[in-house]
Amino acid sequence: IGKAPPGRGEGGSARGSGMRGPGGAGSGMGGPGMGGPGMGRMMAMMGGGGGQGRWNLSAYHTLRFSDRVLIAPGGPLLDLLGGDALSGGGVARHSLELEGGAYRKGFGLRVNGNWSAPTRIKATGAPGTSNLRFGSAFRLNLRVFSDLGNQKALTDLSPIFKGMRLAFQFDNIFDSRQKVTDASGATPFSYLPDFLDPKGRMIGIDLRKSF
């Protein structure tokens, strides 16, 4: 992003970019907390290279053709895409993942989103059980941050700003919750959104200084 400062070459490698395929190392939004290793790798990638800014954008689509589990030799073969289950939820045939970010002159942002298609679980046949439908799930997270030590006006004002970073995190921006319904269209009590997915929208601020 932008031209290199006079006397500095354009381009430069993006070492340690941490770019990956879906589910690989470096997934998520920067590890534990907003200043985790992932965020550091991203800033190293976007801040280097001739003094120019950096941006990246990646998207992945996962399609599962088959997902079957044999519990034991001679035992039942479970079709997880066909309504069988090993846990409290189904397995989505389609899922999408989006991530990207930009960094320039001490300011940056990072966005991460995940979507999975609806799934279903077949009733066990026991009295009172019913087929369950798990609606699509979508979550979008955003990080906005600034390296205050790169802002000359601040460092001229006070040396305390050197090595300081301010970040804002916005998790689950749209407060998206997965909806579960039975054959009648009602949501069973144990599958109410606050039980199934308690992590709603969250906004946080992180201020830290390195010495």
N, C-alpha and C. Protein backbone atom coordinates (compact mmCIF):
# COMPACT_ATOMS: atom_id res chain seq x y z
N ILE A 1 0.85 -1.18 0.00
CA ILE A 1 0.00 0.00 0.00
C ILE A 1 0.89 1.23 0.00
N GLY A 2 0.75 2.08 -1.01
CA GLY A 2 1.51 3.31 -1.05
C GLY A 2 2.93 3.12 -1.57
N LYS A 3 3.61 4.24 -1.82
CA LYS A 3 4.97 4.20 -2.33
C LYS A 3 5.97 4.09 -1.19
N ALA A 4 7.10 3.50 -1.51
CA ALA A 4 8.16 3.39 -0.51
C ALA A 4 8.76 4.77 -0.26
N PRO A 5 9.19 5.04 0.98
CA PRO A 5 9.84 6.33 1.28
C PRO A 5 11.09 6.50 0.42
N PRO A 6 11.50 7.74 0.12
CA PRO A 6 12.70 7.98 -0.68
C PRO A 6 13.91 7.28 -0.10
N GLY A 7 14.68 6.65 -1.00
CA GLY A 7 15.90 5.97 -0.55
C GLY A 7 15.68 4.56 -0.09
N ARG A 8 14.42 4.07 -0.13
CA ARG A 8 14.15 2.70 0.29
C ARG A 8 13.53 1.97 -0.87
N GLY A 9 13.93 0.74 -1.06
CA GLY A 9 13.43 -0.05 -2.18
C GLY A 9 11.99 -0.44 -1.97
N GLU A 10 11.28 -0.60 -3.09
CA GLU A 10 9.91 -1.05 -3.02
C GLU A 10 9.88 -2.57 -2.94
N GLY A 11 8.77 -3.08 -2.51
CA GLY A 11 8.62 -4.54 -2.43
C GLY A 11 9.08 -5.04 -1.09
N GLY A 12 9.84 -6.13 -1.12
CA GLY A 12 10.25 -6.74 0.15
C GLY A 12 9.44 -7.99 0.39
N SER A 13 10.05 -8.93 1.04
CA SER A 13 9.37 -10.21 1.27
C SER A 13 8.43 -10.11 2.46
N ALA A 14 7.44 -11.00 2.45
CA ALA A 14 6.49 -11.06 3.57
C ALA A 14 6.82 -12.28 4.41
N ARG A 15 7.98 -12.22 5.02
CA ARG A 15 8.40 -13.36 5.84
C ARG A 15 7.50 -13.51 7.05
N GLY A 16 7.22 -14.77 7.40
CA GLY A 16 6.41 -15.02 8.57
C GLY A 16 4.98 -14.57 8.42
N SER A 17 4.45 -14.63 7.18
CA SER A 17 3.11 -14.12 6.96
C SER A 17 2.05 -14.95 7.65
N GLY A 18 2.35 -16.23 7.88
CA GLY A 18 1.38 -17.06 8.56
C GLY A 18 0.20 -17.42 7.69
N MET A 19 0.27 -17.20 6.37
CA MET A 19 -0.84 -17.54 5.51
C MET A 19 -0.96 -19.05 5.41
N ARG A 20 -2.16 -19.55 5.29
CA ARG A 20 -2.42 -20.96 5.52
C ARG A 20 -3.67 -21.38 4.80
N GLY A 21 -3.89 -22.68 4.83
CA GLY A 21 -5.16 -23.22 4.37
C GLY A 21 -6.11 -23.33 5.54
N PRO A 22 -7.36 -23.71 5.29
CA PRO A 22 -8.36 -23.77 6.36
C PRO A 22 -7.98 -24.79 7.42
N GLY A 23 -8.12 -24.38 8.68
CA GLY A 23 -7.87 -25.30 9.79
C GLY A 23 -6.42 -25.49 10.11
N GLY A 24 -5.51 -24.80 9.39
CA GLY A 24 -4.10 -24.99 9.64
C GLY A 24 -3.60 -24.11 10.76
N ALA A 25 -2.28 -24.16 10.96
CA ALA A 25 -1.69 -23.35 12.02
C ALA A 25 -1.89 -21.89 11.71
N GLY A 26 -2.13 -21.13 12.74
CA GLY A 26 -2.31 -19.70 12.58
C GLY A 26 -3.75 -19.30 12.45
N SER A 27 -4.68 -20.26 12.62
CA SER A 27 -6.08 -19.91 12.49
C SER A 27 -6.52 -19.04 13.65
N GLY A 28 -7.66 -18.42 13.51
CA GLY A 28 -8.18 -17.56 14.57
C GLY A 28 -7.76 -16.13 14.37
N MET A 29 -7.88 -15.38 15.42
CA MET A 29 -7.69 -13.94 15.31
C MET A 29 -6.49 -13.43 16.08
N GLY A 30 -5.47 -14.25 16.22
CA GLY A 30 -4.27 -13.75 16.87
C GLY A 30 -3.98 -14.45 18.18
N GLY A 31 -4.48 -15.67 18.35
CA GLY A 31 -4.14 -16.41 19.56
C GLY A 31 -4.84 -15.85 20.77
N PRO A 32 -4.37 -16.23 21.97
CA PRO A 32 -5.02 -15.77 23.19
C PRO A 32 -4.94 -14.26 23.33
N GLY A 33 -6.07 -13.62 23.42
CA GLY A 33 -6.08 -12.17 23.56
C GLY A 33 -5.77 -11.47 22.27
N MET A 34 -5.88 -10.16 22.28
CA MET A 34 -5.69 -9.41 21.06
C MET A 34 -4.24 -9.26 20.67
N GLY A 35 -3.32 -9.42 21.59
CA GLY A 35 -1.91 -9.23 21.27
C GLY A 35 -1.18 -10.55 21.15
N GLY A 36 -1.88 -11.63 20.78
CA GLY A 36 -1.30 -12.95 20.73
C GLY A 36 -0.32 -13.10 19.59
N PRO A 37 0.30 -14.30 19.48
CA PRO A 37 1.32 -14.54 18.46
C PRO A 37 0.81 -14.28 17.05
N GLY A 38 -0.44 -14.67 16.76
CA GLY A 38 -0.97 -14.47 15.42
C GLY A 38 -0.98 -13.02 15.03
N MET A 39 -1.35 -12.15 15.95
CA MET A 39 -1.35 -10.71 15.66
C MET A 39 0.05 -10.22 15.42
N GLY A 40 1.01 -10.72 16.19
CA GLY A 40 2.39 -10.31 15.99
C GLY A 40 2.92 -10.73 14.63
N ARG A 41 2.59 -11.96 14.20
CA ARG A 41 3.02 -12.43 12.89
C ARG A 41 2.40 -11.57 11.79
N MET A 42 1.11 -11.26 11.95
CA MET A 42 0.44 -10.45 10.94
C MET A 42 1.07 -9.08 10.84
N MET A 43 1.40 -8.45 11.97
CA MET A 43 1.98 -7.12 11.94
C MET A 43 3.39 -7.17 11.36
N ALA A 44 4.14 -8.27 11.64
CA ALA A 44 5.47 -8.39 11.06
C ALA A 44 5.37 -8.50 9.54
N MET A 45 4.36 -9.23 9.06
CA MET A 45 4.19 -9.41 7.64
C MET A 45 3.77 -8.11 6.97
N MET A 46 2.84 -7.38 7.59
CA MET A 46 2.28 -6.20 6.95
C MET A 46 3.11 -4.95 7.18
N GLY A 47 3.95 -4.95 8.19
CA GLY A 47 4.72 -3.74 8.47
C GLY A 47 6.06 -3.71 7.78
N GLY A 48 6.56 -4.86 7.29
CA GLY A 48 7.88 -4.89 6.70
C GLY A 48 7.86 -4.59 5.22
N GLY A 49 9.05 -4.47 4.62
CA GLY A 49 9.16 -4.35 3.20
C GLY A 49 9.20 -2.92 2.69
N GLY A 50 10.33 -2.24 2.85
CA GLY A 50 10.50 -0.93 2.24
C GLY A 50 9.66 0.17 2.84
N GLY A 51 9.10 -0.02 4.02
CA GLY A 51 8.32 1.02 4.65
C GLY A 51 6.92 1.17 4.10
N GLN A 52 6.51 0.29 3.21
CA GLN A 52 5.16 0.37 2.66
C GLN A 52 4.17 -0.39 3.53
N GLY A 53 2.90 -0.11 3.32
CA GLY A 53 1.88 -0.87 4.01
C GLY A 53 1.66 -2.21 3.34
N ARG A 54 0.88 -3.07 4.01
CA ARG A 54 0.61 -4.40 3.48
C ARG A 54 -0.85 -4.74 3.69
N TRP A 55 -1.40 -5.54 2.79
CA TRP A 55 -2.76 -6.05 2.98
C TRP A 55 -2.81 -7.48 2.48
N ASN A 56 -3.73 -8.25 2.99
CA ASN A 56 -3.93 -9.62 2.51
C ASN A 56 -5.39 -10.00 2.67
N LEU A 57 -5.84 -10.89 1.82
CA LEU A 57 -7.22 -11.37 1.85
C LEU A 57 -7.23 -12.80 1.36
N SER A 58 -7.89 -13.67 2.10
CA SER A 58 -7.98 -15.08 1.69
C SER A 58 -9.36 -15.62 2.04
N ALA A 59 -9.81 -16.56 1.22
CA ALA A 59 -11.11 -17.18 1.42
C ALA A 59 -11.00 -18.66 1.09
N TYR A 60 -11.69 -19.49 1.87
CA TYR A 60 -11.64 -20.94 1.69
C TYR A 60 -13.05 -21.52 1.74
N HIS A 61 -13.28 -22.46 0.85
CA HIS A 61 -14.55 -23.18 0.84
C HIS A 61 -14.24 -24.67 1.04
N THR A 62 -14.81 -25.25 2.08
CA THR A 62 -14.62 -26.66 2.36
C THR A 62 -15.90 -27.42 2.02
N LEU A 63 -15.75 -28.46 1.20
CA LEU A 63 -16.87 -29.32 0.82
C LEU A 63 -16.54 -30.75 1.24
N ARG A 64 -17.37 -31.31 2.14
CA ARG A 64 -17.16 -32.68 2.58
C ARG A 64 -18.04 -33.60 1.74
N PHE A 65 -17.40 -34.51 1.01
CA PHE A 65 -18.14 -35.46 0.19
C PHE A 65 -18.64 -36.64 1.03
N SER A 66 -17.86 -37.00 2.04
CA SER A 66 -18.23 -38.14 2.88
C SER A 66 -17.61 -37.97 4.24
N ASP A 67 -18.34 -38.36 5.27
CA ASP A 67 -17.81 -38.31 6.64
C ASP A 67 -18.49 -39.43 7.43
N ARG A 68 -17.84 -40.56 7.49
CA ARG A 68 -18.41 -41.73 8.14
C ARG A 68 -17.47 -42.26 9.20
N VAL A 69 -18.04 -42.81 10.24
CA VAL A 69 -17.26 -43.30 11.37
C VAL A 69 -17.71 -44.71 11.71
N LEU A 70 -16.76 -45.64 11.79
CA LEU A 70 -17.04 -47.00 12.24
C LEU A 70 -16.68 -47.07 13.72
N ILE A 71 -17.69 -47.25 14.57
CA ILE A 71 -17.47 -47.22 16.00
C ILE A 71 -16.53 -48.33 16.44
N ALA A 72 -16.73 -49.53 15.94
CA ALA A 72 -15.91 -50.69 16.29
C ALA A 72 -16.08 -51.73 15.18
N PRO A 73 -15.11 -52.62 15.02
CA PRO A 73 -15.25 -53.67 14.01
C PRO A 73 -16.56 -54.44 14.19
N GLY A 74 -17.33 -54.49 13.12
CA GLY A 74 -18.63 -55.16 13.19
C GLY A 74 -19.73 -54.30 13.75
N GLY A 75 -19.39 -53.09 14.21
CA GLY A 75 -20.38 -52.18 14.80
C GLY A 75 -21.06 -51.34 13.75
N PRO A 76 -21.90 -50.40 14.17
CA PRO A 76 -22.61 -49.56 13.22
C PRO A 76 -21.68 -48.56 12.52
N LEU A 77 -21.99 -48.26 11.27
CA LEU A 77 -21.27 -47.26 10.49
C LEU A 77 -22.11 -45.99 10.50
N LEU A 78 -21.60 -44.95 11.15
CA LEU A 78 -22.34 -43.70 11.29
C LEU A 78 -22.04 -42.77 10.12
N ASP A 79 -23.08 -42.25 9.51
CA ASP A 79 -22.96 -41.27 8.43
C ASP A 79 -23.23 -39.89 9.02
N LEU A 80 -22.16 -39.17 9.32
CA LEU A 80 -22.30 -37.88 10.00
C LEU A 80 -22.92 -36.81 9.11
N LEU A 81 -22.82 -36.96 7.80
CA LEU A 81 -23.46 -36.02 6.90
C LEU A 81 -24.93 -36.39 6.65
N GLY A 82 -25.29 -37.61 7.02
CA GLY A 82 -26.64 -38.08 6.78
C GLY A 82 -27.55 -38.01 7.99
N GLY A 83 -27.09 -37.43 9.07
CA GLY A 83 -27.95 -37.27 10.24
C GLY A 83 -27.51 -38.03 11.46
N ASP A 84 -26.51 -38.90 11.34
CA ASP A 84 -25.96 -39.55 12.53
C ASP A 84 -25.05 -38.56 13.25
N ALA A 85 -24.79 -38.83 14.52
CA ALA A 85 -24.00 -37.87 15.30
C ALA A 85 -23.16 -38.57 16.34
N LEU A 86 -22.00 -37.97 16.61
CA LEU A 86 -21.13 -38.42 17.70
C LEU A 86 -21.21 -37.47 18.88
N SER A 87 -21.73 -36.27 18.65
CA SER A 87 -21.83 -35.27 19.71
C SER A 87 -23.18 -34.58 19.60
N GLY A 88 -23.29 -33.40 20.20
CA GLY A 88 -24.57 -32.70 20.23
C GLY A 88 -24.90 -31.93 18.99
N GLY A 89 -24.09 -32.01 17.94
CA GLY A 89 -24.35 -31.27 16.72
C GLY A 89 -24.01 -32.09 15.49
N GLY A 90 -24.52 -31.65 14.35
CA GLY A 90 -24.24 -32.34 13.10
C GLY A 90 -22.96 -31.85 12.46
N VAL A 91 -22.63 -32.45 11.32
CA VAL A 91 -21.45 -32.06 10.55
C VAL A 91 -21.92 -31.38 9.27
N ALA A 92 -21.43 -30.18 9.02
CA ALA A 92 -21.85 -29.41 7.85
C ALA A 92 -21.13 -29.89 6.60
N ARG A 93 -21.88 -30.01 5.51
CA ARG A 93 -21.26 -30.40 4.24
C ARG A 93 -20.44 -29.24 3.66
N HIS A 94 -20.96 -28.03 3.81
CA HIS A 94 -20.28 -26.85 3.28
C HIS A 94 -19.87 -25.92 4.43
N SER A 95 -18.69 -25.33 4.31
CA SER A 95 -18.27 -24.29 5.26
C SER A 95 -17.37 -23.31 4.53
N LEU A 96 -17.42 -22.07 4.97
CA LEU A 96 -16.63 -21.00 4.37
C LEU A 96 -15.80 -20.31 5.44
N GLU A 97 -14.63 -19.85 5.04
CA GLU A 97 -13.77 -19.11 5.96
C GLU A 97 -13.16 -17.94 5.22
N LEU A 98 -13.19 -16.78 5.84
CA LEU A 98 -12.64 -15.56 5.26
C LEU A 98 -11.75 -14.87 6.27
N GLU A 99 -10.60 -14.42 5.81
CA GLU A 99 -9.76 -13.64 6.69
C GLU A 99 -8.94 -12.65 5.86
N GLY A 100 -8.62 -11.55 6.50
CA GLY A 100 -7.84 -10.54 5.80
C GLY A 100 -7.43 -9.44 6.76
N GLY A 101 -6.63 -8.53 6.24
CA GLY A 101 -6.17 -7.44 7.09
C GLY A 101 -5.35 -6.44 6.31
N ALA A 102 -5.02 -5.36 6.96
CA ALA A 102 -4.18 -4.32 6.37
C ALA A 102 -3.41 -3.63 7.48
N TYR A 103 -2.23 -3.14 7.12
CA TYR A 103 -1.39 -2.44 8.10
C TYR A 103 -0.57 -1.39 7.36
N ARG A 104 -0.61 -0.15 7.87
CA ARG A 104 0.20 0.91 7.28
C ARG A 104 0.40 2.03 8.28
N LYS A 105 1.62 2.49 8.37
CA LYS A 105 1.98 3.64 9.18
C LYS A 105 1.48 3.52 10.62
N GLY A 106 1.60 2.34 11.16
CA GLY A 106 1.25 2.14 12.56
C GLY A 106 -0.21 1.84 12.82
N PHE A 107 -1.05 1.81 11.79
CA PHE A 107 -2.46 1.49 11.96
C PHE A 107 -2.79 0.20 11.21
N GLY A 108 -3.67 -0.58 11.78
CA GLY A 108 -4.01 -1.83 11.12
C GLY A 108 -5.38 -2.35 11.53
N LEU A 109 -5.85 -3.30 10.75
CA LEU A 109 -7.10 -3.99 11.08
C LEU A 109 -6.97 -5.43 10.63
N ARG A 110 -7.78 -6.27 11.25
CA ARG A 110 -7.78 -7.70 10.94
C ARG A 110 -9.22 -8.19 11.04
N VAL A 111 -9.68 -8.92 10.04
CA VAL A 111 -11.04 -9.43 10.03
C VAL A 111 -11.01 -10.94 9.81
N ASN A 112 -11.92 -11.64 10.46
CA ASN A 112 -11.99 -13.09 10.35
C ASN A 112 -13.46 -13.50 10.42
N GLY A 113 -13.89 -14.31 9.48
CA GLY A 113 -15.28 -14.76 9.47
C GLY A 113 -15.39 -16.23 9.14
N ASN A 114 -16.39 -16.90 9.72
CA ASN A 114 -16.64 -18.31 9.46
C ASN A 114 -18.14 -18.54 9.29
N TRP A 115 -18.48 -19.39 8.33
CA TRP A 115 -19.88 -19.76 8.08
C TRP A 115 -19.94 -21.25 7.83
N SER A 116 -20.95 -21.91 8.38
CA SER A 116 -21.17 -23.33 8.11
C SER A 116 -22.64 -23.54 7.76
N ALA A 117 -22.89 -24.47 6.85
CA ALA A 117 -24.24 -24.73 6.36
C ALA A 117 -25.08 -25.43 7.42
N PRO A 118 -26.40 -25.41 7.26
CA PRO A 118 -27.28 -26.12 8.21
C PRO A 118 -26.97 -27.61 8.24
N THR A 119 -27.22 -28.23 9.38
CA THR A 119 -27.03 -29.66 9.55
C THR A 119 -28.27 -30.25 10.21
N ARG A 120 -28.32 -31.56 10.30
CA ARG A 120 -29.46 -32.21 10.94
C ARG A 120 -28.98 -33.45 11.68
N ILE A 121 -29.74 -33.82 12.68
CA ILE A 121 -29.50 -35.05 13.44
C ILE A 121 -30.80 -35.85 13.46
N LYS A 122 -30.71 -37.11 13.12
CA LYS A 122 -31.89 -37.97 13.11
C LYS A 122 -32.27 -38.38 14.53
N ALA A 123 -33.57 -38.53 14.75
CA ALA A 123 -34.05 -38.99 16.06
C ALA A 123 -33.54 -40.40 16.33
N THR A 124 -33.33 -40.73 17.60
CA THR A 124 -32.83 -42.04 17.97
C THR A 124 -33.91 -43.11 17.95
N GLY A 125 -35.16 -42.68 17.90
CA GLY A 125 -36.27 -43.63 17.94
C GLY A 125 -36.84 -43.82 19.33
N ALA A 126 -36.14 -43.29 20.34
CA ALA A 126 -36.64 -43.39 21.71
C ALA A 126 -37.86 -42.48 21.87
N PRO A 127 -38.77 -42.80 22.77
CA PRO A 127 -39.96 -41.97 22.98
C PRO A 127 -39.58 -40.53 23.32
N GLY A 128 -40.23 -39.59 22.67
CA GLY A 128 -39.99 -38.18 22.94
C GLY A 128 -38.89 -37.55 22.12
N THR A 129 -38.16 -38.37 21.34
CA THR A 129 -37.09 -37.80 20.53
C THR A 129 -37.63 -37.33 19.18
N SER A 130 -36.91 -36.44 18.55
CA SER A 130 -37.34 -35.87 17.28
C SER A 130 -36.11 -35.52 16.45
N ASN A 131 -36.30 -35.48 15.14
CA ASN A 131 -35.23 -34.97 14.29
C ASN A 131 -34.93 -33.53 14.66
N LEU A 132 -33.66 -33.17 14.61
CA LEU A 132 -33.25 -31.81 14.94
C LEU A 132 -32.57 -31.17 13.73
N ARG A 133 -32.88 -29.92 13.52
CA ARG A 133 -32.22 -29.15 12.46
C ARG A 133 -31.40 -28.04 13.10
N PHE A 134 -30.11 -28.02 12.78
CA PHE A 134 -29.20 -26.98 13.26
C PHE A 134 -29.02 -25.96 12.13
N GLY A 135 -29.45 -24.74 12.36
CA GLY A 135 -29.37 -23.72 11.33
C GLY A 135 -27.93 -23.35 11.00
N SER A 136 -27.77 -22.61 9.93
CA SER A 136 -26.43 -22.16 9.55
C SER A 136 -25.83 -21.30 10.67
N ALA A 137 -24.52 -21.31 10.75
CA ALA A 137 -23.81 -20.56 11.79
C ALA A 137 -22.83 -19.60 11.14
N PHE A 138 -22.84 -18.34 11.60
CA PHE A 138 -21.96 -17.33 11.03
C PHE A 138 -21.38 -16.48 12.16
N ARG A 139 -20.09 -16.23 12.07
CA ARG A 139 -19.43 -15.41 13.09
C ARG A 139 -18.39 -14.53 12.41
N LEU A 140 -18.43 -13.23 12.72
CA LEU A 140 -17.48 -12.29 12.15
C LEU A 140 -16.79 -11.53 13.27
N ASN A 141 -15.47 -11.50 13.24
CA ASN A 141 -14.67 -10.84 14.26
C ASN A 141 -13.79 -9.77 13.61
N LEU A 142 -13.52 -8.72 14.35
CA LEU A 142 -12.72 -7.61 13.83
C LEU A 142 -11.74 -7.12 14.89
N ARG A 143 -10.52 -6.82 14.47
CA ARG A 143 -9.52 -6.19 15.33
C ARG A 143 -9.05 -4.90 14.66
N VAL A 144 -9.01 -3.82 15.41
CA VAL A 144 -8.48 -2.55 14.95
C VAL A 144 -7.40 -2.12 15.93
N PHE A 145 -6.22 -1.78 15.45
CA PHE A 145 -5.13 -1.50 16.38
C PHE A 145 -4.22 -0.41 15.85
N SER A 146 -3.44 0.15 16.75
CA SER A 146 -2.48 1.19 16.39
C SER A 146 -1.22 1.01 17.21
N ASP A 147 -0.09 1.06 16.53
CA ASP A 147 1.20 1.11 17.21
C ASP A 147 1.47 2.58 17.54
N LEU A 148 1.22 2.96 18.77
CA LEU A 148 1.37 4.37 19.16
C LEU A 148 2.82 4.83 19.05
N GLY A 149 3.74 3.88 19.18
CA GLY A 149 5.16 4.23 19.06
C GLY A 149 5.56 4.63 17.66
N ASN A 150 4.71 4.34 16.67
CA ASN A 150 4.99 4.75 15.29
C ASN A 150 4.38 6.10 14.94
N GLN A 151 3.71 6.71 15.91
CA GLN A 151 3.09 8.01 15.68
C GLN A 151 4.03 9.09 16.24
N LYS A 152 4.72 9.76 15.33
CA LYS A 152 5.75 10.71 15.75
C LYS A 152 5.20 11.82 16.64
N ALA A 153 3.97 12.26 16.36
CA ALA A 153 3.39 13.33 17.18
C ALA A 153 3.26 12.89 18.63
N LEU A 154 2.96 11.60 18.85
CA LEU A 154 2.81 11.10 20.21
C LEU A 154 4.17 10.90 20.88
N THR A 155 5.12 10.31 20.16
CA THR A 155 6.43 10.08 20.75
C THR A 155 7.17 11.38 21.03
N ASP A 156 6.90 12.42 20.21
CA ASP A 156 7.49 13.73 20.50
C ASP A 156 6.86 14.34 21.75
N LEU A 157 5.59 14.02 21.96
CA LEU A 157 4.89 14.54 23.13
C LEU A 157 5.41 13.91 24.40
N SER A 158 5.64 12.60 24.36
CA SER A 158 6.14 11.89 25.55
C SER A 158 6.77 10.56 25.12
N PRO A 159 7.92 10.21 25.69
CA PRO A 159 8.57 8.93 25.34
C PRO A 159 7.79 7.72 25.86
N ILE A 160 6.80 7.95 26.70
CA ILE A 160 6.04 6.83 27.24
C ILE A 160 5.30 6.07 26.15
N PHE A 161 5.03 6.72 25.01
CA PHE A 161 4.29 6.08 23.93
C PHE A 161 5.14 5.10 23.13
N LYS A 162 6.46 5.15 23.30
CA LYS A 162 7.32 4.22 22.56
C LYS A 162 7.03 2.78 23.01
N GLY A 163 6.84 1.90 22.04
CA GLY A 163 6.56 0.49 22.35
C GLY A 163 5.14 0.23 22.82
N MET A 164 4.25 1.20 22.69
CA MET A 164 2.89 1.05 23.17
C MET A 164 1.95 0.72 22.01
N ARG A 165 0.98 -0.16 22.26
CA ARG A 165 0.00 -0.54 21.26
C ARG A 165 -1.40 -0.49 21.86
N LEU A 166 -2.33 0.09 21.11
CA LEU A 166 -3.73 0.16 21.50
C LEU A 166 -4.55 -0.64 20.50
N ALA A 167 -5.40 -1.53 21.00
CA ALA A 167 -6.20 -2.39 20.12
C ALA A 167 -7.63 -2.49 20.61
N PHE A 168 -8.53 -2.56 19.67
CA PHE A 168 -9.95 -2.77 19.96
C PHE A 168 -10.37 -4.08 19.30
N GLN A 169 -11.12 -4.90 20.02
CA GLN A 169 -11.59 -6.15 19.44
C GLN A 169 -13.12 -6.16 19.46
N PHE A 170 -13.67 -6.66 18.37
CA PHE A 170 -15.12 -6.80 18.23
C PHE A 170 -15.39 -8.24 17.81
N ASP A 171 -15.83 -9.05 18.73
CA ASP A 171 -16.11 -10.46 18.46
C ASP A 171 -17.59 -10.67 18.20
N ASN A 172 -17.87 -11.52 17.21
CA ASN A 172 -19.26 -11.83 16.85
C ASN A 172 -20.04 -10.53 16.65
N ILE A 173 -19.60 -9.74 15.70
CA ILE A 173 -20.14 -8.39 15.49
C ILE A 173 -21.66 -8.39 15.37
N PHE A 174 -22.21 -9.37 14.66
CA PHE A 174 -23.66 -9.40 14.42
C PHE A 174 -24.43 -10.18 15.49
N ASP A 175 -23.73 -10.56 16.57
CA ASP A 175 -24.37 -11.31 17.66
C ASP A 175 -25.12 -12.52 17.10
N SER A 176 -24.48 -13.24 16.20
CA SER A 176 -25.10 -14.38 15.53
C SER A 176 -25.13 -15.60 16.44
N ARG A 177 -26.27 -16.26 16.52
CA ARG A 177 -26.43 -17.48 17.30
C ARG A 177 -27.07 -18.56 16.42
N GLN A 178 -26.60 -19.76 16.57
CA GLN A 178 -27.18 -20.87 15.81
C GLN A 178 -28.55 -21.24 16.38
N LYS A 179 -29.51 -21.47 15.49
CA LYS A 179 -30.86 -21.83 15.90
C LYS A 179 -31.11 -23.30 15.64
N VAL A 180 -31.68 -23.96 16.65
CA VAL A 180 -31.98 -25.39 16.55
C VAL A 180 -33.49 -25.59 16.69
N THR A 181 -34.07 -26.36 15.79
CA THR A 181 -35.51 -26.62 15.84
C THR A 181 -35.77 -28.12 15.70
N ASP A 182 -36.89 -28.56 16.29
CA ASP A 182 -37.28 -29.96 16.15
C ASP A 182 -38.28 -30.08 15.00
N ALA A 183 -38.91 -31.25 14.90
CA ALA A 183 -39.83 -31.50 13.78
C ALA A 183 -41.02 -30.56 13.78
N SER A 184 -41.40 -30.04 14.94
CA SER A 184 -42.55 -29.13 15.03
C SER A 184 -42.15 -27.67 14.78
N GLY A 185 -40.86 -27.39 14.65
CA GLY A 185 -40.38 -26.03 14.45
C GLY A 185 -40.04 -25.31 15.74
N ALA A 186 -40.22 -25.96 16.87
CA ALA A 186 -39.89 -25.37 18.16
C ALA A 186 -38.44 -25.65 18.53
N THR A 187 -37.89 -24.81 19.41
CA THR A 187 -36.52 -25.00 19.88
C THR A 187 -36.54 -25.72 21.23
N PRO A 188 -35.97 -26.93 21.32
CA PRO A 188 -35.92 -27.62 22.61
C PRO A 188 -35.20 -26.77 23.65
N PHE A 189 -35.59 -26.92 24.90
CA PHE A 189 -35.05 -26.09 25.97
C PHE A 189 -33.53 -26.18 26.05
N SER A 190 -32.97 -27.38 25.93
CA SER A 190 -31.52 -27.55 26.06
C SER A 190 -30.76 -26.99 24.87
N TYR A 191 -31.48 -26.60 23.80
CA TYR A 191 -30.82 -26.03 22.63
C TYR A 191 -31.13 -24.54 22.45
N LEU A 192 -31.60 -23.90 23.50
CA LEU A 192 -31.79 -22.46 23.43
C LEU A 192 -30.44 -21.78 23.17
N PRO A 193 -30.42 -20.68 22.43
CA PRO A 193 -29.16 -20.06 22.01
C PRO A 193 -28.16 -19.82 23.13
N ASP A 194 -28.63 -19.39 24.31
CA ASP A 194 -27.70 -19.09 25.40
C ASP A 194 -27.06 -20.34 25.98
N PHE A 195 -27.70 -21.50 25.81
CA PHE A 195 -27.11 -22.77 26.25
C PHE A 195 -26.17 -23.32 25.18
N LEU A 196 -26.61 -23.24 23.93
CA LEU A 196 -25.84 -23.84 22.84
C LEU A 196 -24.61 -23.03 22.49
N ASP A 197 -24.74 -21.71 22.48
CA ASP A 197 -23.65 -20.83 22.07
C ASP A 197 -23.67 -19.57 22.93
N PRO A 198 -23.06 -19.63 24.12
CA PRO A 198 -23.13 -18.49 25.04
C PRO A 198 -22.27 -17.30 24.63
N LYS A 199 -21.42 -17.45 23.62
CA LYS A 199 -20.51 -16.37 23.26
C LYS A 199 -21.20 -15.41 22.29
N GLY A 200 -21.85 -14.41 22.83
CA GLY A 200 -22.49 -13.41 22.00
C GLY A 200 -21.52 -12.30 21.62
N ARG A 201 -22.06 -11.15 21.27
CA ARG A 201 -21.23 -10.03 20.87
C ARG A 201 -20.36 -9.57 22.03
N MET A 202 -19.10 -9.27 21.73
CA MET A 202 -18.19 -8.81 22.76
C MET A 202 -17.29 -7.71 22.20
N ILE A 203 -17.08 -6.67 22.99
CA ILE A 203 -16.20 -5.57 22.62
C ILE A 203 -15.14 -5.42 23.71
N GLY A 204 -13.89 -5.35 23.32
CA GLY A 204 -12.82 -5.26 24.29
C GLY A 204 -11.76 -4.25 23.86
N ILE A 205 -11.00 -3.76 24.83
CA ILE A 205 -9.91 -2.81 24.60
C ILE A 205 -8.64 -3.36 25.24
N ASP A 206 -7.56 -3.26 24.52
CA ASP A 206 -6.28 -3.77 25.04
C ASP A 206 -5.21 -2.70 24.84
N LEU A 207 -4.55 -2.32 25.92
CA LEU A 207 -3.46 -1.36 25.86
C LEU A 207 -2.25 -1.98 26.51
N ARG A 208 -1.17 -2.11 25.77
CA ARG A 208 0.03 -2.73 26.32
C ARG A 208 1.29 -2.01 25.83
N LYS A 209 2.36 -2.20 26.60
CA LYS A 209 3.62 -1.53 26.28
C LYS A 209 4.75 -2.53 26.41
N SER A 210 5.63 -2.51 25.44
CA SER A 210 6.82 -3.37 25.48
C SER A 210 8.04 -2.52 25.78
N PHE A 211 8.99 -3.12 26.48
CA PHE A 211 10.19 -2.38 26.88
C PHE A 211 11.42 -3.02 26.26
